[in-house]
PDB file of N, CA and C in Angstrom:
ATOM      1  N   MET A   1     106.422 126.570  95.739  1.00  0.00           N
ATOM      2  CA  MET A   1     105.622 125.884  94.753  1.00  0.00           C
ATOM      3  C   MET A   1     104.186 125.894  95.246  1.00  0.00           C
ATOM      4  N   ALA A   2     103.290 126.500  94.471  1.00  0.00           N
ATOM      5  CA  ALA A   2     101.891 126.611  94.861  1.00  0.00           C
ATOM      6  C   ALA A   2     101.056 125.597  94.108  1.00  0.00           C
ATOM      7  N   ILE A   3     100.054 125.077  94.779  1.00  0.00           N
ATOM      8  CA  ILE A   3      99.130 124.131  94.160  1.00  0.00           C
ATOM      9  C   ILE A   3      97.794 124.840  94.020  1.00  0.00           C
ATOM     10  N   GLU A   4      97.283 124.893  92.810  1.00  0.00           N
ATOM     11  CA  GLU A   4      96.012 125.555  92.559  1.00  0.00           C
ATOM     12  C   GLU A   4      94.921 124.501  92.417  1.00  0.00           C
ATOM     13  N   ILE A   5      93.870 124.670  93.185  1.00  0.00           N
ATOM     14  CA  ILE A   5      92.738 123.758  93.123  1.00  0.00           C
ATOM     15  C   ILE A   5      91.572 124.516  92.513  1.00  0.00           C
ATOM     16  N   ASN A   6      91.128 124.043  91.371  1.00  0.00           N
ATOM     17  CA  ASN A   6      90.026 124.704  90.687  1.00  0.00           C
ATOM     18  C   ASN A   6      88.690 124.175  91.179  1.00  0.00           C
ATOM     19  N   ASN A   7      87.707 125.051  91.241  1.00  0.00           N
ATOM     20  CA  ASN A   7      86.331 124.720  91.588  1.00  0.00           C
ATOM     21  C   ASN A   7      86.188 124.027  92.942  1.00  0.00           C
ATOM     22  N   HIS A   8      87.059 124.332  93.864  1.00  0.00           N
ATOM     23  CA  HIS A   8      86.940 123.675  95.162  1.00  0.00           C
ATOM     24  C   HIS A   8      85.743 124.165  95.955  1.00  0.00           C
ATOM     25  N   THR A   9      85.224 125.344  95.643  1.00  0.00           N
ATOM     26  CA  THR A   9      84.057 125.842  96.368  1.00  0.00           C
ATOM     27  C   THR A   9      82.759 125.398  95.725  1.00  0.00           C
ATOM     28  N   ASN A  10      82.818 124.877  94.520  1.00  0.00           N
ATOM     29  CA  ASN A  10      81.610 124.464  93.826  1.00  0.00           C
ATOM     30  C   ASN A  10      81.236 123.009  94.060  1.00  0.00           C
ATOM     31  N   SER A  11      82.051 122.288  94.827  1.00  0.00           N
ATOM     32  CA  SER A  11      81.745 120.878  95.041  1.00  0.00           C
ATOM     33  C   SER A  11      80.578 120.757  96.013  1.00  0.00           C
ATOM     34  N   PRO A  12      79.688 119.800  95.795  1.00  0.00           N
ATOM     35  CA  PRO A  12      78.543 119.656  96.685  1.00  0.00           C
ATOM     36  C   PRO A  12      78.988 119.157  98.055  1.00  0.00           C
ATOM     37  N   ARG A  13      78.362 119.675  99.072  1.00  0.00           N
ATOM     38  CA  ARG A  13      78.675 119.253 100.428  1.00  0.00           C
ATOM     39  C   ARG A  13      77.542 118.391 100.939  1.00  0.00           C
ATOM     40  N   LEU A  14      77.893 117.306 101.573  1.00  0.00           N
ATOM     41  CA  LEU A  14      76.897 116.390 102.099  1.00  0.00           C
ATOM     42  C   LEU A  14      76.681 116.679 103.571  1.00  0.00           C
ATOM     43  N   SER A  15      75.463 116.616 103.980  1.00  0.00           N
ATOM     44  CA  SER A  15      75.118 116.813 105.361  1.00  0.00           C
ATOM     45  C   SER A  15      74.613 115.498 105.923  1.00  0.00           C
ATOM     46  N   THR A  16      74.794 115.307 107.203  1.00  0.00           N
ATOM     47  CA  THR A  16      74.291 114.076 107.800  1.00  0.00           C
ATOM     48  C   THR A  16      72.776 114.074 107.843  1.00  0.00           C
ATOM     49  N   ARG A  17      72.159 115.245 107.714  1.00  0.00           N
ATOM     50  CA  ARG A  17      70.705 115.333 107.727  1.00  0.00           C
ATOM     51  C   ARG A  17      70.091 115.029 106.377  1.00  0.00           C
ATOM     52  N   GLU A  18      70.905 115.039 105.325  1.00  0.00           N
ATOM     53  CA  GLU A  18      70.369 114.780 103.997  1.00  0.00           C
ATOM     54  C   GLU A  18      70.005 113.309 103.857  1.00  0.00           C
ATOM     55  N   ASN A  19      68.931 113.046 103.151  1.00  0.00           N
ATOM     56  CA  ASN A  19      68.510 111.680 102.906  1.00  0.00           C
ATOM     57  C   ASN A  19      69.099 111.262 101.566  1.00  0.00           C
ATOM     58  N   LEU A  20      70.191 110.516 101.607  1.00  0.00           N
ATOM     59  CA  LEU A  20      70.882 110.135 100.385  1.00  0.00           C
ATOM     60  C   LEU A  20      70.274 108.864  99.823  1.00  0.00           C
ATOM     61  N   ALA A  21      70.274 108.760  98.497  1.00  0.00           N
ATOM     62  CA  ALA A  21      69.729 107.570  97.840  1.00  0.00           C
ATOM     63  C   ALA A  21      70.715 106.429  97.982  1.00  0.00           C
ATOM     64  N   THR A  22      70.229 105.292  98.446  1.00  0.00           N
ATOM     65  CA  THR A  22      71.067 104.105  98.554  1.00  0.00           C
ATOM     66  C   THR A  22      70.830 103.247  97.325  1.00  0.00           C
ATOM     67  N   PRO A  23      71.699 102.282  97.055  1.00  0.00           N
ATOM     68  CA  PRO A  23      71.484 101.416  95.892  1.00  0.00           C
ATOM     69  C   PRO A  23      70.125 100.724  95.927  1.00  0.00           C
ATOM     70  N   ASP A  24      69.618 100.374  97.126  1.00  0.00           N
ATOM     71  CA  ASP A  24      68.311  99.735  97.206  1.00  0.00           C
ATOM     72  C   ASP A  24      67.210 100.672  96.730  1.00  0.00           C
ATOM     73  N   LYS A  25      67.317 101.953  97.093  1.00  0.00           N
ATOM     74  CA  LYS A  25      66.300 102.917  96.687  1.00  0.00           C
ATOM     75  C   LYS A  25      66.360 103.185  95.191  1.00  0.00           C
ATOM     76  N   ILE A  26      67.575 103.189  94.662  1.00  0.00           N
ATOM     77  CA  ILE A  26      67.736 103.442  93.231  1.00  0.00           C
ATOM     78  C   ILE A  26      67.127 102.307  92.423  1.00  0.00           C
ATOM     79  N   GLN A  27      67.248 101.087  92.909  1.00  0.00           N
ATOM     80  CA  GLN A  27      66.750  99.930  92.168  1.00  0.00           C
ATOM     81  C   GLN A  27      65.292  99.629  92.503  1.00  0.00           C
ATOM     82  N   GLY A  28      64.609 100.547  93.126  1.00  0.00           N
ATOM     83  CA  GLY A  28      63.204 100.356  93.405  1.00  0.00           C
ATOM     84  C   GLY A  28      62.962  99.463  94.609  1.00  0.00           C
ATOM     85  N   GLY A  29      63.869  99.404  95.541  1.00  0.00           N
ATOM     86  CA  GLY A  29      63.663  98.654  96.765  1.00  0.00           C
ATOM     87  C   GLY A  29      64.109  97.207  96.674  1.00  0.00           C
ATOM     88  N   GLY A  30      64.305  96.671  95.500  1.00  0.00           N
ATOM     89  CA  GLY A  30      64.721  95.273  95.359  1.00  0.00           C
ATOM     90  C   GLY A  30      66.222  95.167  95.261  1.00  0.00           C
ATOM     91  N   ARG A  31      66.747  93.997  95.556  1.00  0.00           N
ATOM     92  CA  ARG A  31      68.175  93.774  95.449  1.00  0.00           C
ATOM     93  C   ARG A  31      68.446  92.929  94.235  1.00  0.00           C
ATOM     94  N   SER A  32      69.508  93.272  93.545  1.00  0.00           N
ATOM     95  CA  SER A  32      69.857  92.507  92.355  1.00  0.00           C
ATOM     96  C   SER A  32      70.539  91.207  92.761  1.00  0.00           C
ATOM     97  N   ASP A  33      70.562  90.252  91.826  1.00  0.00           N
ATOM     98  CA  ASP A  33      71.230  88.981  92.089  1.00  0.00           C
ATOM     99  C   ASP A  33      72.714  89.191  92.347  1.00  0.00           C
ATOM    100  N   ARG A  34      73.313  90.145  91.625  1.00  0.00           N
ATOM    101  CA  ARG A  34      74.748  90.418  91.798  1.00  0.00           C
ATOM    102  C   ARG A  34      75.029  90.925  93.199  1.00  0.00           C
ATOM    103  N   GLN A  35      74.175  91.815  93.721  1.00  0.00           N
ATOM    104  CA  GLN A  35      74.397  92.315  95.075  1.00  0.00           C
ATOM    105  C   GLN A  35      74.279  91.189  96.092  1.00  0.00           C
ATOM    106  N   ALA A  36      73.312  90.322  95.927  1.00  0.00           N
ATOM    107  CA  ALA A  36      73.145  89.208  96.851  1.00  0.00           C
ATOM    108  C   ALA A  36      74.361  88.291  96.811  1.00  0.00           C
ATOM    109  N   THR A  37      74.898  88.046  95.611  1.00  0.00           N
ATOM    110  CA  THR A  37      76.090  87.212  95.469  1.00  0.00           C
ATOM    111  C   THR A  37      77.291  87.886  96.105  1.00  0.00           C
ATOM    112  N   ASP A  38      77.452  89.209  95.879  1.00  0.00           N
ATOM    113  CA  ASP A  38      78.562  89.942  96.473  1.00  0.00           C
ATOM    114  C   ASP A  38      78.487  89.907  97.996  1.00  0.00           C
ATOM    115  N   ASP A  39      77.268  90.075  98.551  1.00  0.00           N
ATOM    116  CA  ASP A  39      77.110  90.031 100.003  1.00  0.00           C
ATOM    117  C   ASP A  39      77.466  88.658 100.548  1.00  0.00           C
ATOM    118  N   ALA A  40      77.068  87.608  99.869  1.00  0.00           N
ATOM    119  CA  ALA A  40      77.376  86.254 100.321  1.00  0.00           C
ATOM    120  C   ALA A  40      78.871  85.997 100.252  1.00  0.00           C
ATOM    121  N   THR A  41      79.529  86.506  99.219  1.00  0.00           N
ATOM    122  CA  THR A  41      80.975  86.330  99.073  1.00  0.00           C
ATOM    123  C   THR A  41      81.703  87.074 100.187  1.00  0.00           C
ATOM    124  N   GLN A  42      81.276  88.299 100.470  1.00  0.00           N
ATOM    125  CA  GLN A  42      81.928  89.087 101.504  1.00  0.00           C
ATOM    126  C   GLN A  42      81.747  88.453 102.877  1.00  0.00           C
ATOM    127  N   ALA A  43      80.622  87.870 103.133  1.00  0.00           N
ATOM    128  CA  ALA A  43      80.370  87.271 104.430  1.00  0.00           C
ATOM    129  C   ALA A  43      81.237  86.041 104.657  1.00  0.00           C
ATOM    130  N   SER A  44      81.658  85.355 103.604  1.00  0.00           N
ATOM    131  CA  SER A  44      82.428  84.130 103.774  1.00  0.00           C
ATOM    132  C   SER A  44      83.932  84.332 103.643  1.00  0.00           C
ATOM    133  N   ASP A  45      84.403  85.549 103.402  1.00  0.00           N
ATOM    134  CA  ASP A  45      85.831  85.803 103.284  1.00  0.00           C
ATOM    135  C   ASP A  45      86.499  85.630 104.645  1.00  0.00           C
ATOM    136  N   THR A  46      87.611  84.908 104.665  1.00  0.00           N
ATOM    137  CA  THR A  46      88.378  84.720 105.887  1.00  0.00           C
ATOM    138  C   THR A  46      89.858  84.846 105.579  1.00  0.00           C
ATOM    139  N   VAL A  47      90.622  85.110 106.621  1.00  0.00           N
ATOM    140  CA  VAL A  47      92.072  85.200 106.495  1.00  0.00           C
ATOM    141  C   VAL A  47      92.671  84.203 107.473  1.00  0.00           C
ATOM    142  N   VAL A  48      93.572  83.370 106.980  1.00  0.00           N
ATOM    143  CA  VAL A  48      94.238  82.381 107.824  1.00  0.00           C
ATOM    144  C   VAL A  48      95.741  82.642 107.745  1.00  0.00           C
ATOM    145  N   LEU A  49      96.341  82.821 108.912  1.00  0.00           N
ATOM    146  CA  LEU A  49      97.775  83.065 108.971  1.00  0.00           C
ATOM    147  C   LEU A  49      98.513  81.742 109.083  1.00  0.00           C
ATOM    148  N   THR A  50      99.634  81.666 108.410  1.00  0.00           N
ATOM    149  CA  THR A  50     100.471  80.480 108.544  1.00  0.00           C
ATOM    150  C   THR A  50     101.147  80.513 109.904  1.00  0.00           C
ATOM    151  N   GLU A  51     101.723  79.395 110.297  1.00  0.00           N
ATOM    152  CA  GLU A  51     102.440  79.335 111.573  1.00  0.00           C
ATOM    153  C   GLU A  51     103.591  80.336 111.587  1.00  0.00           C
ATOM    154  N   THR A  52     104.254  80.473 110.447  1.00  0.00           N
ATOM    155  CA  THR A  52     105.382  81.394 110.357  1.00  0.00           C
ATOM    156  C   THR A  52     104.926  82.825 110.561  1.00  0.00           C
ATOM    157  N   ALA A  53     103.817  83.206 109.930  1.00  0.00           N
ATOM    158  CA  ALA A  53     103.307  84.571 110.078  1.00  0.00           C
ATOM    159  C   ALA A  53     102.878  84.839 111.514  1.00  0.00           C
ATOM    160  N   ALA A  54     102.234  83.876 112.134  1.00  0.00           N
ATOM    161  CA  ALA A  54     101.812  84.030 113.521  1.00  0.00           C
ATOM    162  C   ALA A  54     103.029  84.173 114.441  1.00  0.00           C
ATOM    163  N   MET A  55     104.072  83.376 114.177  1.00  0.00           N
ATOM    164  CA  MET A  55     105.292  83.460 114.963  1.00  0.00           C
ATOM    165  C   MET A  55     105.960  84.822 114.777  1.00  0.00           C
ATOM    166  N   MET A  56     105.959  85.317 113.550  1.00  0.00           N
ATOM    167  CA  MET A  56     106.574  86.623 113.283  1.00  0.00           C
ATOM    168  C   MET A  56     105.815  87.736 114.010  1.00  0.00           C
ATOM    169  N   GLN A  57     104.501  87.639 114.085  1.00  0.00           N
ATOM    170  CA  GLN A  57     103.729  88.639 114.823  1.00  0.00           C
ATOM    171  C   GLN A  57     104.101  88.623 116.298  1.00  0.00           C
ATOM    172  N   LYS A  58     104.278  87.434 116.874  1.00  0.00           N
ATOM    173  CA  LYS A  58     104.670  87.333 118.277  1.00  0.00           C
ATOM    174  C   LYS A  58     106.056  87.935 118.490  1.00  0.00           C
ATOM    175  N   ILE A  59     106.972  87.651 117.574  1.00  0.00           N
ATOM    176  CA  ILE A  59     108.337  88.182 117.680  1.00  0.00           C
ATOM    177  C   ILE A  59     108.319  89.695 117.581  1.00  0.00           C
ATOM    178  N   GLN A  60     107.548  90.227 116.646  1.00  0.00           N
ATOM    179  CA  GLN A  60     107.461  91.677 116.505  1.00  0.00           C
ATOM    180  C   GLN A  60     106.906  92.318 117.772  1.00  0.00           C
ATOM    181  N   ALA A  61     105.925  91.686 118.388  1.00  0.00           N
ATOM    182  CA  ALA A  61     105.358  92.230 119.621  1.00  0.00           C
ATOM    183  C   ALA A  61     106.406  92.226 120.739  1.00  0.00           C
ATOM    184  N   ARG A  62     107.183  91.160 120.834  1.00  0.00           N
ATOM    185  CA  ARG A  62     108.229  91.094 121.854  1.00  0.00           C
ATOM    186  C   ARG A  62     109.322  92.129 121.587  1.00  0.00           C
ATOM    187  N   LEU A  63     109.706  92.289 120.328  1.00  0.00           N
ATOM    188  CA  LEU A  63     110.748  93.255 119.988  1.00  0.00           C
ATOM    189  C   LEU A  63     110.298  94.684 120.259  1.00  0.00           C
ATOM    190  N   ALA A  64     109.015  94.955 120.086  1.00  0.00           N
ATOM    191  CA  ALA A  64     108.506  96.296 120.337  1.00  0.00           C
ATOM    192  C   ALA A  64     108.649  96.671 121.809  1.00  0.00           C
ATOM    193  N   ASP A  65     108.651  95.672 122.697  1.00  0.00           N
ATOM    194  CA  ASP A  65     108.781  95.927 124.129  1.00  0.00           C
ATOM    195  C   ASP A  65     110.225  96.114 124.579  1.00  0.00           C
ATOM    196  N   LEU A  66     111.190  95.704 123.760  1.00  0.00           N
ATOM    197  CA  LEU A  66     112.597  95.817 124.131  1.00  0.00           C
ATOM    198  C   LEU A  66     113.112  97.231 123.890  1.00  0.00           C
ATOM    199  N   PRO A  67     113.993  97.704 124.765  1.00  0.00           N
ATOM    200  CA  PRO A  67     114.576  99.027 124.529  1.00  0.00           C
ATOM    201  C   PRO A  67     115.542  98.984 123.342  1.00  0.00           C
ATOM    202  N   VAL A  68     115.690 100.107 122.684  1.00  0.00           N
ATOM    203  CA  VAL A  68     116.569 100.191 121.518  1.00  0.00           C
ATOM    204  C   VAL A  68     118.032 100.123 121.956  1.00  0.00           C
ATOM    205  N   VAL A  69     118.334 100.668 123.124  1.00  0.00           N
ATOM    206  CA  VAL A  69     119.709 100.725 123.626  1.00  0.00           C
ATOM    207  C   VAL A  69     119.788  99.961 124.944  1.00  0.00           C
ATOM    208  N   ASP A  70     120.833  99.153 125.089  1.00  0.00           N
ATOM    209  CA  ASP A  70     121.076  98.443 126.346  1.00  0.00           C
ATOM    210  C   ASP A  70     121.757  99.421 127.302  1.00  0.00           C
ATOM    211  N   SER A  71     120.967 100.050 128.148  1.00  0.00           N
ATOM    212  CA  SER A  71     121.489 101.112 129.009  1.00  0.00           C
ATOM    213  C   SER A  71     122.514 100.588 130.024  1.00  0.00           C
ATOM    214  N   LYS A  72     122.388  99.339 130.467  1.00  0.00           N
ATOM    215  CA  LYS A  72     123.372  98.776 131.400  1.00  0.00           C
ATOM    216  C   LYS A  72     124.736  98.678 130.736  1.00  0.00           C
ATOM    217  N   ARG A  73     124.748  98.234 129.472  1.00  0.00           N
ATOM    218  CA  ARG A  73     126.020  98.109 128.745  1.00  0.00           C
ATOM    219  C   ARG A  73     126.643  99.490 128.499  1.00  0.00           C
ATOM    220  N   VAL A  74     125.806 100.455 128.171  1.00  0.00           N
ATOM    221  CA  VAL A  74     126.307 101.820 127.940  1.00  0.00           C
ATOM    222  C   VAL A  74     126.952 102.361 129.211  1.00  0.00           C
ATOM    223  N   GLU A  75     126.288 102.167 130.341  1.00  0.00           N
ATOM    224  CA  GLU A  75     126.838 102.654 131.614  1.00  0.00           C
ATOM    225  C   GLU A  75     128.145 101.942 131.953  1.00  0.00           C
ATOM    226  N   ALA A  76     128.219 100.635 131.671  1.00  0.00           N
ATOM    227  CA  ALA A  76     129.460  99.897 131.956  1.00  0.00           C
ATOM    228  C   ALA A  76     130.605 100.414 131.093  1.00  0.00           C
ATOM    229  N   ILE A  77     130.322 100.698 129.827  1.00  0.00           N
ATOM    230  CA  ILE A  77     131.378 101.213 128.940  1.00  0.00           C
ATOM    231  C   ILE A  77     131.787 102.616 129.372  1.00  0.00           C
ATOM    232  N   LYS A  78     130.818 103.446 129.750  1.00  0.00           N
ATOM    233  CA  LYS A  78     131.146 104.798 130.235  1.00  0.00           C
ATOM    234  C   LYS A  78     132.047 104.726 131.466  1.00  0.00           C
ATOM    235  N   ALA A  79     131.716 103.828 132.379  1.00  0.00           N
ATOM    236  CA  ALA A  79     132.522 103.685 133.593  1.00  0.00           C
ATOM    237  C   ALA A  79     133.927 103.200 133.254  1.00  0.00           C
ATOM    238  N   ALA A  80     134.045 102.239 132.324  1.00  0.00           N
ATOM    239  CA  ALA A  80     135.363 101.732 131.924  1.00  0.00           C
ATOM    240  C   ALA A  80     136.190 102.818 131.250  1.00  0.00           C
ATOM    241  N   ILE A  81     135.551 103.659 130.445  1.00  0.00           N
ATOM    242  CA  ILE A  81     136.280 104.767 129.805  1.00  0.00           C
ATOM    243  C   ILE A  81     136.734 105.758 130.861  1.00  0.00           C
ATOM    244  N   ALA A  82     135.843 106.076 131.807  1.00  0.00           N
ATOM    245  CA  ALA A  82     136.166 107.054 132.852  1.00  0.00           C
ATOM    246  C   ALA A  82     137.316 106.605 133.733  1.00  0.00           C
ATOM    247  N   ASP A  83     137.373 105.306 134.067  1.00  0.00           N
ATOM    248  CA  ASP A  83     138.464 104.852 134.941  1.00  0.00           C
ATOM    249  C   ASP A  83     139.686 104.382 134.169  1.00  0.00           C
ATOM    250  N   GLY A  84     139.637 104.437 132.830  1.00  0.00           N
ATOM    251  CA  GLY A  84     140.801 104.116 132.014  1.00  0.00           C
ATOM    252  C   GLY A  84     140.997 102.634 131.744  1.00  0.00           C
ATOM    253  N   SER A  85     140.046 101.807 132.105  1.00  0.00           N
ATOM    254  CA  SER A  85     140.215 100.369 131.898  1.00  0.00           C
ATOM    255  C   SER A  85     139.648  99.881 130.565  1.00  0.00           C
ATOM    256  N   TYR A  86     139.025 100.747 129.814  1.00  0.00           N
ATOM    257  CA  TYR A  86     138.439 100.340 128.526  1.00  0.00           C
ATOM    258  C   TYR A  86     139.548 100.217 127.495  1.00  0.00           C
ATOM    259  N   GLN A  87     139.659  99.038 126.883  1.00  0.00           N
ATOM    260  CA  GLN A  87     140.699  98.781 125.902  1.00  0.00           C
ATOM    261  C   GLN A  87     140.066  98.554 124.528  1.00  0.00           C
ATOM    262  N   VAL A  88     140.650  99.151 123.516  1.00  0.00           N
ATOM    263  CA  VAL A  88     140.179  98.983 122.147  1.00  0.00           C
ATOM    264  C   VAL A  88     141.171  98.087 121.423  1.00  0.00           C
ATOM    265  N   ASP A  89     140.695  96.997 120.868  1.00  0.00           N
ATOM    266  CA  ASP A  89     141.540  96.089 120.083  1.00  0.00           C
ATOM    267  C   ASP A  89     141.421  96.529 118.624  1.00  0.00           C
ATOM    268  N   SER A  90     142.454  97.154 118.117  1.00  0.00           N
ATOM    269  CA  SER A  90     142.413  97.706 116.756  1.00  0.00           C
ATOM    270  C   SER A  90     142.237  96.620 115.701  1.00  0.00           C
ATOM    271  N   ASN A  91     142.724  95.411 115.954  1.00  0.00           N
ATOM    272  CA  ASN A  91     142.547  94.310 114.999  1.00  0.00           C
ATOM    273  C   ASN A  91     141.075  93.915 114.865  1.00  0.00           C
ATOM    274  N   ILE A  92     140.378  93.846 115.985  1.00  0.00           N
ATOM    275  CA  ILE A  92     138.949  93.501 115.941  1.00  0.00           C
ATOM    276  C   ILE A  92     138.160  94.603 115.234  1.00  0.00           C
ATOM    277  N   VAL A  93     138.499  95.852 115.539  1.00  0.00           N
ATOM    278  CA  VAL A  93     137.812  96.971 114.872  1.00  0.00           C
ATOM    279  C   VAL A  93     138.038  96.901 113.369  1.00  0.00           C
ATOM    280  N   ALA A  94     139.260  96.638 112.941  1.00  0.00           N
ATOM    281  CA  ALA A  94     139.573  96.554 111.512  1.00  0.00           C
ATOM    282  C   ALA A  94     138.848  95.385 110.858  1.00  0.00           C
ATOM    283  N   GLU A  95     138.807  94.243 111.537  1.00  0.00           N
ATOM    284  CA  GLU A  95     138.106  93.077 110.985  1.00  0.00           C
ATOM    285  C   GLU A  95     136.614  93.364 110.805  1.00  0.00           C
ATOM    286  N   ARG A  96     136.017  93.970 111.799  1.00  0.00           N
ATOM    287  CA  ARG A  96     134.581  94.255 111.723  1.00  0.00           C
ATOM    288  C   ARG A  96     134.268  95.315 110.662  1.00  0.00           C
ATOM    289  N   MET A  97     135.142  96.281 110.507  1.00  0.00           N
ATOM    290  CA  MET A  97     134.947  97.287 109.458  1.00  0.00           C
ATOM    291  C   MET A  97     135.056  96.647 108.076  1.00  0.00           C
ATOM    292  N   THR A  98     136.017  95.742 107.911  1.00  0.00           N
ATOM    293  CA  THR A  98     136.185  95.032 106.648  1.00  0.00           C
ATOM    294  C   THR A  98     134.977  94.148 106.369  1.00  0.00           C
ATOM    295  N   SER A  99     134.488  93.468 107.389  1.00  0.00           N
ATOM    296  CA  SER A  99     133.312  92.613 107.234  1.00  0.00           C
ATOM    297  C   SER A  99     132.081  93.441 106.834  1.00  0.00           C
ATOM    298  N   LEU A 100     131.917  94.580 107.460  1.00  0.00           N
ATOM    299  CA  LEU A 100     130.806  95.464 107.111  1.00  0.00           C
ATOM    300  C   LEU A 100     130.928  95.963 105.683  1.00  0.00           C
ATOM    301  N   GLU A 101     132.122  96.322 105.291  1.00  0.00           N
ATOM    302  CA  GLU A 101     132.357  96.796 103.924  1.00  0.00           C
ATOM    303  C   GLU A 101     132.018  95.712 102.897  1.00  0.00           C
ATOM    304  N   LYS A 102     132.352  94.476 103.197  1.00  0.00           N
ATOM    305  CA  LYS A 102     132.044  93.363 102.292  1.00  0.00           C
ATOM    306  C   LYS A 102     130.535  93.145 102.191  1.00  0.00           C
ATOM    307  N   GLN A 103     129.818  93.287 103.318  1.00  0.00           N
ATOM    308  CA  GLN A 103     128.365  93.122 103.310  1.00  0.00           C
ATOM    309  C   GLN A 103     127.674  94.213 102.496  1.00  0.00           C
ATOM    310  N   LEU A 104     128.226  95.395 102.521  1.00  0.00           N
ATOM    311  CA  LEU A 104     127.639  96.516 101.777  1.00  0.00           C
ATOM    312  C   LEU A 104     127.900  96.438 100.287  1.00  0.00           C
ATOM    313  N   ALA A 105     128.973  95.765  99.912  1.00  0.00           N
ATOM    314  CA  ALA A 105     129.337  95.703  98.501  1.00  0.00           C
ATOM    315  C   ALA A 105     128.576  94.692  97.724  1.00  0.00           C
TER     316      ALA A 105
END
C-alpha cells in the first residue's frame, strides 16, 4: 500500500536565519488586550494533585523498580522439579482455572 504525498516539494522551508514576523510585529509593535489577558491566564495556571494521585505516582515508581519475575521463586521451583519433590495439586489447579474463567466471563 503506497501513500502519495502531493506537492511535498513545494512547501516553504523555514530557516533559522530567516526573520519571521511575530504577532507583535504584525500588530504594529503593540499588544492587544486579548493577548495580555491570555498571558495573565497562562501565568496563573496551576495543577494540584489529590492525595490519591500523589500516592499512585509513588506506587508506580516503586513498582517500576520491582522485577517482573521473582527469580528466587523460579529457581526454587526448578530445583524442586529437578529433584522430584515438586507436587501439583490438581484440585487447586482446577479451582484456579474455574475462578479465572468466571472472572473472564
